[in-house]
Protein backbone atom coordinates (compact mmCIF):
# COMPACT_ATOMS: atom_id res chain seq x y z
CA MET A 1 -0.27 0.12 -0.33
CA THR A 2 1.29 3.08 -0.89
CA ASN A 3 -1.16 5.56 0.62
CA SER A 4 -4.25 5.81 2.76
CA VAL A 5 -6.61 4.83 -0.31
CA ALA A 6 -4.98 1.99 -0.32
CA LYS A 7 -5.71 1.17 3.05
CA ILE A 8 -8.88 1.85 2.78
CA ALA A 9 -9.40 -0.44 -0.44
CA VAL A 10 -8.15 -3.15 1.30
CA PHE A 11 -10.00 -2.85 4.34
CA LEU A 12 -13.22 -2.53 2.23
CA LEU A 13 -12.45 -5.82 0.40
CA VAL A 14 -12.02 -7.23 3.72
CA ALA A 15 -15.30 -5.86 4.50
CA VAL A 16 -16.72 -7.29 1.54
CA VAL A 17 -15.45 -11.10 1.44
CA GLY A 18 -15.62 -11.58 5.22
CA THR A 19 -18.56 -12.70 7.17
CA MET A 20 -18.28 -10.51 10.15
CA THR A 21 -20.70 -8.34 11.55
CA ILE A 22 -20.39 -4.37 11.41
CA ALA A 23 -19.79 -4.47 14.70
CA ASN A 24 -17.40 -7.93 15.40
CA ARG A 25 -15.07 -5.79 13.16
CA PHE A 26 -15.03 -2.74 14.82
CA SER A 27 -14.71 -4.69 17.77
CA MET A 28 -11.40 -6.77 16.06
CA SER A 29 -10.56 -3.14 14.69
CA SER A 30 -9.56 -2.36 18.05
CA ALA A 31 -7.14 -4.72 18.32
CA LEU A 32 -8.13 -6.47 21.76
CA ALA A 33 -6.99 -9.61 21.63
CA ALA A 34 -8.20 -9.61 25.76
CA ALA A 35 -10.02 -7.08 27.36
CA PRO A 36 -7.44 -4.12 28.72
CA SER A 37 -8.41 -4.94 32.24
CA ALA A 38 -7.43 -8.63 32.00
CA VAL A 39 -3.82 -7.76 31.10
CA PRO A 40 -2.09 -6.87 34.03
CA ALA A 41 0.68 -4.66 34.91
CA PRO A 42 4.27 -6.00 34.34
CA VAL A 43 5.78 -8.12 37.26
CA VAL A 44 8.99 -6.80 36.39
CA ASP A 45 9.48 -2.94 36.11
CA ASN A 46 11.65 0.22 37.24
CA ALA A 47 10.45 2.24 39.57
CA LEU A 48 9.37 5.85 38.65
CA ALA A 49 12.56 7.89 38.56
CA SER A 50 13.30 10.47 41.72
CA LYS A 51 14.09 13.27 38.92
CA PRO A 52 12.37 14.19 35.60
CA GLY A 53 14.42 12.78 32.62
CA GLN A 54 13.81 11.46 29.05
CA GLU A 55 13.75 7.97 28.01
CA THR A 56 12.92 6.65 24.10
CA ALA A 57 11.33 3.21 23.45
CA VAL A 58 10.23 2.16 20.34
CA PHE A 59 7.10 0.02 19.16
CA ALA A 60 6.18 -1.69 16.24
CA GLY A 61 2.24 -3.26 16.02
CA GLY A 62 0.70 -2.87 12.32
CA CYS A 63 -0.05 0.54 10.94
CA PHE A 64 2.11 3.58 12.83
CA TRP A 65 -1.13 5.92 12.77
CA GLY A 66 -3.17 4.14 15.32
CA ILE A 67 0.18 2.74 17.54
CA GLN A 68 1.16 7.01 17.20
CA ALA A 69 -2.46 8.15 18.44
CA VAL A 70 -2.63 5.88 21.13
CA PHE A 71 0.94 6.80 22.75
CA GLN A 72 0.37 10.58 22.24
CA HIS A 73 -3.01 10.43 24.35
CA VAL A 74 -0.65 8.58 27.30
CA LYS A 75 0.15 10.66 30.51
CA GLY A 76 4.34 10.81 30.88
CA VAL A 77 4.82 10.86 27.00
CA LYS A 78 6.37 13.71 25.39
CA SER A 79 6.31 13.03 21.73
CA ALA A 80 5.40 9.76 19.66
CA VAL A 81 6.86 9.93 16.15
CA SER A 82 6.05 7.42 13.24
CA GLY A 83 9.24 5.92 11.41
CA TYR A 84 10.63 2.72 10.17
CA ALA A 85 13.07 0.28 12.25
CA GLY A 86 14.42 -2.95 12.05
CA GLY A 87 15.44 -3.29 8.62
CA HIS A 88 18.56 -3.14 6.34
CA VAL A 89 18.10 -0.17 3.86
CA ALA A 90 19.08 3.18 4.52
CA SER A 91 16.86 5.77 4.64
CA PRO A 92 13.86 3.83 3.45
CA SER A 93 10.55 5.76 1.63
CA TYR A 94 7.04 4.23 2.41
CA GLU A 95 6.46 2.84 -0.59
CA GLU A 96 9.59 1.24 -0.22
CA VAL A 97 8.90 -0.25 3.45
CA SER A 98 5.59 -1.52 2.21
CA SER A 99 6.93 -3.71 -0.47
CA GLY A 100 8.14 -5.92 2.71
CA ALA A 101 11.82 -5.78 1.02
CA THR A 102 13.60 -3.39 3.01
CA GLY A 103 13.05 -5.46 6.49
CA HIS A 104 11.66 -2.85 8.30
CA ALA A 105 8.47 -2.50 10.33
CA GLU A 106 6.13 0.53 11.09
CA SER A 107 7.19 1.53 14.51
CA VAL A 108 6.80 4.41 16.65
CA ARG A 109 9.71 6.22 18.87
CA VAL A 110 7.98 7.32 21.52
CA VAL A 111 9.99 9.68 23.99
CA PHE A 112 8.88 9.53 27.75
CA ASP A 113 9.27 10.89 31.42
CA PRO A 114 10.44 8.23 33.85
CA SER A 115 9.57 10.03 36.30
CA GLN A 116 5.82 10.08 35.26
CA VAL A 117 5.31 6.90 33.61
CA SER A 118 7.44 3.45 33.41
CA TYR A 119 8.28 1.52 30.46
CA GLY A 120 6.60 -1.64 31.83
CA THR A 121 3.49 1.00 31.80
CA LEU A 122 3.79 1.89 28.19
CA LEU A 123 4.21 -1.94 27.53
CA ARG A 124 0.80 -2.80 29.07
CA VAL A 125 -0.36 -0.24 26.96
CA PHE A 126 0.78 -1.70 23.77
CA PHE A 127 -0.12 -5.20 24.64
CA SER A 128 -3.71 -4.16 25.64
CA VAL A 129 -4.64 -1.25 23.61
CA ALA A 130 -2.49 -0.40 21.05
CA HIS A 131 -2.37 -3.45 18.96
CA ASP A 132 -3.05 -7.51 18.78
CA PRO A 133 -0.04 -9.43 20.07
CA THR A 134 -1.03 -13.00 18.64
CA GLN A 135 -1.09 -11.71 14.86
CA LEU A 136 1.63 -12.48 12.79
CA ASN A 137 3.15 -10.10 10.41
CA ARG A 138 -0.28 -8.74 10.28
CA GLN A 139 -2.85 -6.27 12.22
CA GLY A 140 -6.34 -6.21 11.35
CA PRO A 141 -6.01 -5.65 7.70
CA ASP A 142 -2.80 -4.80 7.22
CA VAL A 143 -0.87 -8.09 6.30
CA GLY A 144 3.10 -8.29 5.58
CA THR A 145 6.24 -8.31 7.46
CA GLN A 146 6.25 -4.47 7.88
CA TYR A 147 3.11 -4.63 10.28
CA ARG A 148 4.55 -7.13 12.20
CA SER A 149 4.38 -7.00 16.68
CA GLU A 150 7.95 -5.96 17.39
CA ILE A 151 9.67 -4.20 20.35
CA PHE A 152 12.77 -2.46 20.08
CA TYR A 153 14.89 -2.31 23.12
CA THR A 154 17.12 0.87 23.79
CA ASN A 155 18.89 -0.62 26.50
CA ALA A 156 19.47 -3.85 28.89
CA SER A 157 16.75 -2.44 31.12
CA GLN A 158 14.21 -1.95 28.47
CA GLU A 159 14.95 -5.66 27.16
CA LYS A 160 14.72 -7.28 30.27
CA ILE A 161 11.30 -5.65 30.91
CA ALA A 162 9.99 -6.36 27.76
CA LYS A 163 10.93 -10.53 27.67
CA ALA A 164 9.88 -10.69 31.39
CA TYR A 165 6.53 -9.34 30.35
CA ILE A 166 5.79 -11.24 27.65
CA ASP A 167 6.88 -14.22 29.61
CA GLN A 168 4.33 -12.89 31.87
CA LEU A 169 1.10 -13.01 30.03
CA ALA A 170 2.25 -15.97 28.31
CA LYS A 171 2.12 -18.25 31.78
CA ALA A 172 -1.07 -16.18 33.01
CA LYS A 173 -3.11 -17.35 29.42
CA VAL A 174 -3.63 -13.67 29.24
CA TYR A 175 -4.61 -14.45 24.90
CA THR A 176 -6.16 -17.31 23.60
CA ARG A 177 -3.65 -17.35 20.96
CA PRO A 178 0.65 -17.53 21.40
CA ILE A 179 2.16 -14.20 21.29
CA VAL A 180 4.11 -13.43 18.34
CA THR A 181 5.87 -10.31 19.60
CA ARG A 182 9.47 -10.08 18.71
CA VAL A 183 12.31 -8.57 21.11
CA SER A 184 15.02 -6.93 19.51
CA ARG A 185 17.90 -4.30 19.78
CA LEU A 186 16.88 -0.85 18.02
CA ASN A 187 19.55 -0.30 15.61
CA ASP A 188 17.97 3.14 13.82
CA PHE A 189 14.98 4.48 13.24
CA ASN A 190 13.79 6.67 10.39
CA VAL A 191 11.30 8.97 10.90
CA ALA A 192 8.23 8.48 8.58
CA GLU A 193 7.55 11.32 5.96
CA SER A 194 5.67 14.10 7.50
CA TYR A 195 2.26 13.19 5.60
CA HIS A 196 2.35 10.33 8.11
CA GLN A 197 2.78 11.90 11.43
CA ASN A 198 -0.11 12.77 13.76
CA TYR A 199 -2.09 11.10 10.48
CA ALA A 200 -5.17 10.04 13.09
CA ASN A 201 -5.94 12.73 14.32
CA ILE A 202 -5.54 15.03 11.79
CA HIS A 203 -7.88 12.40 9.84
CA PRO A 204 -10.59 11.61 11.86
CA ASN A 205 -13.10 11.03 9.78
CA ASP A 206 -11.27 8.67 7.48
CA PRO A 207 -12.58 5.20 7.22
CA TYR A 208 -9.22 3.42 8.14
CA ILE A 209 -9.18 5.65 11.23
CA ARG A 210 -12.65 5.18 12.29
CA PHE A 211 -13.05 1.58 11.99
CA ASN A 212 -9.18 0.57 13.08
CA ASP A 213 -7.98 3.56 15.32
CA ALA A 214 -10.36 5.06 16.71
CA PRO A 215 -11.18 2.27 19.13
CA LYS A 216 -7.75 2.03 20.33
CA VAL A 217 -7.60 5.40 21.64
CA ALA A 218 -11.30 4.89 22.93
CA ALA A 219 -10.52 1.92 24.67
CA LEU A 220 -7.60 3.51 26.24
CA LYS A 221 -9.33 6.41 28.03
CA SER A 222 -12.24 3.91 29.03
CA ASP A 223 -10.28 1.22 30.34
CA LEU A 224 -6.76 2.91 31.32
CA SER A 225 -8.63 5.98 32.05
CA SER A 226 -5.81 6.66 34.85
CA LEU A 227 -2.91 6.97 32.07
CA TYR A 228 -5.22 8.88 29.31
CA LYS A 229 -4.57 12.38 28.80
CA GLU A 230 -6.68 14.70 26.53
CA GLU A 231 -4.15 16.68 25.37
CA LEU A 232 -1.91 15.45 22.61
CA SER A 233 1.82 15.04 22.89
CA ALA A 234 4.38 16.50 20.20
CA TRP A 235 4.95 14.14 17.33
CA LYS A 236 8.31 16.06 16.18
């Protein structure tokens, strides 16, 4: 897919050939493999820092429009930027990433204040409302390795917390299917084209956003209300 029109076309095709009702598609599109309230907080996590600071986390879980929109509404997040991570081509374009040939995943770089929100809490948001961690190389209507579920850690602490959390969720059988989320070191992050930034908030009436991404933000607001903020974090 090379633009929002193509994304919408794919979604409509799924709607036509599928047998699910509109209500079921809406539920699926919110990417909730389990009710947010059923996804526990991490047992292994960092305590909140004693002083304000800045840390970076990178998440991939389907189209970056929705992931960015969710994290822009999380308390303690300073910025959420859409981009590409995990590939082997320098400075790829959206079209190149969409081909699946570069190895990149559509990702979001989250800069947060560890005195306000922990990395483990961000993981809980990621696994409960931002995407479905049981879908392999796809997310809803988007199919391909560029839509895979992956956590790109930036330090040893993040790696430890992410792996422990996945193990915790798997042992607790929070989901009915296996978690397929990868955990990898972040080697590079390429910021996506400007027209992808803040897309969900600029285009709230886009059918793709309404069916796939707006429900994620709504779930954050309703089910993880203590983490939700109305004002948007920056995307730069």
